[in-house]
């Protein structure tokens, strides 16, 4: 992951590559020219390397679609949603965007495999996982053409997820909301510069 720097109308990464950027009348950063491209944007089919963090009962279909329409990856948090409500939220997102969005699946929840089945049935192509070993779902996810990003809070967890065959990992330090891990390692220490 490359840190980004915005200075005098130019957005650049640590390696010096960049593109022109302006702040529009609404105060929003707008990039001129081609969208940012890196491994994440290519894997997920998104414009910018931004992923909406799932929040139970908050990041539902409308919010996921709004983030996806803005060029990032929106997500629906599935952890406490009944099956029919999850299906409704996926339909809502699909009605509001034609861009990729994902579903977050906490693997320790009893409905994790049901949510994966729903993702496959509804043609959701990206899931993020947390709270368990992603190896238990990788064969099914790969067979369904789903990209899996797994949240990790230590280097060891990252290597284990890589060994399971995930498409990528999301480094999440102890200060993060939700399930930040038990190691008390912060994101600043976890993510290499």
Protein backbone atom coordinates (compact mmCIF):
# COMPACT_ATOMS: atom_id res chain seq x y z
CA UNK A 1 0.00 0.00 0.00
CA UNK A 2 1.43 3.37 -0.99
CA UNK A 3 0.74 6.44 1.12
CA UNK A 4 -0.71 9.33 -0.88
CA UNK A 5 0.15 13.00 -0.73
CA UNK A 6 -1.97 15.90 -2.04
CA UNK A 7 0.00 19.05 -2.75
CA UNK A 8 -0.70 22.01 -5.01
CA UNK A 9 -3.12 20.33 -7.38
CA UNK A 10 -1.26 17.03 -7.69
CA UNK A 11 -1.97 13.72 -5.98
CA UNK A 12 1.03 11.43 -5.85
CA UNK A 13 2.22 8.26 -4.22
CA UNK A 14 5.47 7.83 -2.32
CA UNK A 15 7.16 6.66 -5.52
CA UNK A 16 6.40 9.98 -7.21
CA UNK A 17 3.82 8.73 -9.70
CA UNK A 18 0.67 10.77 -9.70
CA UNK A 19 -1.99 12.66 -11.53
CA UNK A 20 -3.51 16.13 -11.57
CA UNK A 21 -6.17 16.81 -8.99
CA UNK A 22 -8.42 19.74 -8.14
CA UNK A 23 -10.80 20.58 -5.33
CA UNK A 24 -14.17 21.44 -6.88
CA UNK A 25 -16.66 24.06 -5.70
CA UNK A 26 -18.22 21.60 -3.25
CA UNK A 27 -14.86 20.98 -1.60
CA UNK A 28 -14.52 17.49 -3.09
CA UNK A 29 -11.22 16.20 -4.40
CA UNK A 30 -11.61 15.44 -8.10
CA UNK A 31 -8.90 13.64 -10.04
CA UNK A 32 -8.35 14.69 -13.63
CA UNK A 33 -7.49 12.10 -16.24
CA UNK A 34 -7.40 8.39 -15.60
CA UNK A 35 -8.57 6.94 -12.29
CA UNK A 36 -6.04 5.68 -9.77
CA UNK A 37 -5.01 2.15 -10.68
CA UNK A 38 -3.29 -0.38 -8.44
CA UNK A 39 -3.64 -4.07 -7.69
CA UNK A 40 -6.69 -3.50 -5.51
CA UNK A 41 -8.60 -1.46 -8.09
CA UNK A 42 -7.81 -4.06 -10.76
CA UNK A 43 -8.85 -7.03 -8.60
CA UNK A 44 -12.12 -5.41 -7.53
CA UNK A 45 -12.94 -3.49 -10.71
CA UNK A 46 -13.22 -0.16 -8.88
CA UNK A 47 -12.01 3.34 -9.73
CA UNK A 48 -10.33 4.31 -6.45
CA UNK A 49 -8.62 2.12 -3.82
CA UNK A 50 -11.27 2.86 -1.18
CA UNK A 51 -13.36 0.26 0.66
CA UNK A 52 -16.34 1.11 2.84
CA UNK A 53 -15.80 -0.43 6.27
CA UNK A 54 -18.82 -2.55 7.15
CA UNK A 55 -20.83 -1.43 10.18
CA UNK A 56 -23.64 -3.62 11.47
CA UNK A 57 -27.11 -2.25 10.62
CA UNK A 58 -25.54 0.92 9.11
CA UNK A 59 -23.81 -0.10 5.89
CA UNK A 60 -26.76 -1.47 3.99
CA UNK A 61 -27.74 -1.41 0.32
CA UNK A 62 -28.15 2.35 -0.19
CA UNK A 63 -24.84 3.24 1.46
CA UNK A 64 -22.99 0.45 -0.37
CA UNK A 65 -24.37 1.72 -3.69
CA UNK A 66 -23.44 5.34 -2.88
CA UNK A 67 -19.81 4.40 -2.19
CA UNK A 68 -19.65 2.20 -5.29
CA UNK A 69 -21.16 4.96 -7.43
CA UNK A 70 -18.41 7.26 -6.12
CA UNK A 71 -15.73 4.87 -7.38
CA UNK A 72 -14.92 2.88 -4.23
CA UNK A 73 -16.15 -0.50 -3.05
CA UNK A 74 -19.35 -0.29 -1.04
CA UNK A 75 -20.21 -3.12 1.32
CA UNK A 76 -23.28 -4.50 3.01
CA UNK A 77 -22.66 -5.67 6.57
CA UNK A 78 -24.42 -9.03 6.83
CA UNK A 79 -23.74 -10.11 10.40
CA UNK A 80 -27.18 -9.63 11.96
CA UNK A 81 -29.37 -9.42 8.87
CA UNK A 82 -32.05 -12.06 8.43
CA UNK A 83 -31.78 -13.82 5.06
CA UNK A 84 -34.71 -11.97 3.47
CA UNK A 85 -33.44 -8.57 4.60
CA UNK A 86 -29.98 -9.35 3.20
CA UNK A 87 -31.56 -10.27 -0.12
CA UNK A 88 -33.57 -7.01 -0.03
CA UNK A 89 -30.43 -4.95 0.70
CA UNK A 90 -28.55 -6.63 -2.17
CA UNK A 91 -31.47 -5.90 -4.50
CA UNK A 92 -31.54 -2.28 -3.30
CA UNK A 93 -27.80 -1.90 -4.01
CA UNK A 94 -28.19 -3.50 -7.46
CA UNK A 95 -31.09 -1.14 -8.24
CA UNK A 96 -28.94 1.87 -7.29
CA UNK A 97 -25.62 0.95 -8.93
CA UNK A 98 -24.18 -1.07 -11.75
CA UNK A 99 -20.74 -0.96 -10.14
CA UNK A 100 -19.14 -3.63 -7.93
CA UNK A 101 -20.08 -3.82 -4.26
CA UNK A 102 -19.45 -6.46 -1.65
CA UNK A 103 -20.78 -8.21 1.40
CA UNK A 104 -18.91 -8.53 4.68
CA UNK A 105 -19.10 -11.99 6.27
CA UNK A 106 -17.89 -12.46 9.85
CA UNK A 107 -16.85 -16.11 9.67
CA UNK A 108 -17.60 -16.80 13.34
CA UNK A 109 -21.31 -16.04 12.86
CA UNK A 110 -23.53 -19.11 12.45
CA UNK A 111 -24.99 -17.77 9.18
CA UNK A 112 -21.62 -17.27 7.42
CA UNK A 113 -22.07 -20.11 4.92
CA UNK A 114 -25.67 -19.05 4.22
CA UNK A 115 -24.45 -15.51 3.43
CA UNK A 116 -21.81 -16.91 1.07
CA UNK A 117 -24.54 -18.92 -0.71
CA UNK A 118 -26.64 -15.75 -1.05
CA UNK A 119 -23.64 -13.84 -2.44
CA UNK A 120 -23.20 -16.53 -5.08
CA UNK A 121 -26.93 -16.71 -5.91
CA UNK A 122 -27.18 -12.92 -6.31
CA UNK A 123 -23.95 -12.56 -8.30
CA UNK A 124 -22.08 -10.49 -5.69
CA UNK A 125 -18.44 -10.79 -6.79
CA UNK A 126 -16.60 -9.51 -3.69
CA UNK A 127 -16.75 -10.47 -0.03
CA UNK A 128 -14.70 -9.38 2.92
CA UNK A 129 -14.28 -11.81 5.77
CA UNK A 130 -13.23 -11.50 9.38
CA UNK A 131 -13.35 -13.35 12.66
CA UNK A 132 -12.21 -16.78 11.56
CA UNK A 133 -10.16 -18.80 9.13
CA UNK A 134 -11.00 -17.96 5.50
CA UNK A 135 -9.79 -21.42 4.40
CA UNK A 136 -13.22 -22.83 5.34
CA UNK A 137 -14.93 -20.88 2.53
CA UNK A 138 -12.23 -20.49 -0.12
CA UNK A 139 -13.10 -23.50 -2.29
CA UNK A 140 -16.74 -22.47 -2.49
CA UNK A 141 -15.91 -18.77 -3.05
CA UNK A 142 -13.38 -19.51 -5.80
CA UNK A 143 -15.79 -21.90 -7.49
CA UNK A 144 -18.35 -19.08 -7.49
CA UNK A 145 -15.89 -16.54 -8.94
CA UNK A 146 -15.87 -14.44 -5.77
CA UNK A 147 -12.91 -12.28 -4.74
CA UNK A 148 -12.21 -12.67 -1.01
CA UNK A 149 -10.48 -10.00 1.08
CA UNK A 150 -9.77 -11.07 4.66
CA UNK A 151 -9.30 -8.67 7.59
CA UNK A 152 -6.18 -9.33 9.63
CA UNK A 153 -4.66 -7.77 12.73
CA UNK A 154 -1.22 -9.44 12.72
CA UNK A 155 1.41 -10.44 10.18
CA UNK A 156 0.84 -14.08 11.16
CA UNK A 157 -2.87 -13.79 10.35
CA UNK A 158 -1.98 -12.19 7.03
CA UNK A 159 0.32 -15.08 6.09
CA UNK A 160 -2.33 -17.61 7.11
CA UNK A 161 -4.93 -15.84 4.94
CA UNK A 162 -2.48 -15.70 2.05
CA UNK A 163 -1.91 -19.44 2.44
CA UNK A 164 -5.68 -19.99 2.33
CA UNK A 165 -5.76 -18.32 -1.09
CA UNK A 166 -7.50 -15.00 -0.44
CA UNK A 167 -7.31 -12.30 -3.11
CA UNK A 168 -6.01 -9.79 -0.58
CA UNK A 169 -5.86 -8.83 3.07
CA UNK A 170 -7.13 -5.76 4.89
CA UNK A 171 -4.80 -4.72 7.70
CA UNK A 172 -6.87 -3.63 10.68
CA UNK A 173 -5.23 -2.42 13.85
CA UNK A 174 -6.39 -2.69 17.43
CA UNK A 175 -7.84 0.85 17.35
CA UNK A 176 -10.37 -0.10 14.65
CA UNK A 177 -14.01 -0.63 15.45
CA UNK A 178 -15.63 -4.03 15.40
CA UNK A 179 -13.27 -6.96 15.69
CA UNK A 180 -9.80 -5.40 15.87
CA UNK A 181 -7.97 -8.48 17.09
CA UNK A 182 -6.37 -9.31 20.40
CA UNK A 183 -2.76 -8.40 19.70
CA UNK A 184 -3.04 -4.67 20.51
CA UNK A 185 -1.01 -3.84 17.39
CA UNK A 186 -2.14 -0.57 15.80
CA UNK A 187 -2.67 -0.06 12.08
CA UNK A 188 0.35 2.26 11.88
CA UNK A 189 2.57 -0.58 13.12
CA UNK A 190 0.84 -3.29 11.08
CA UNK A 191 0.95 -1.72 7.59
CA UNK A 192 4.40 -1.34 6.01
CA UNK A 193 5.31 2.14 4.75
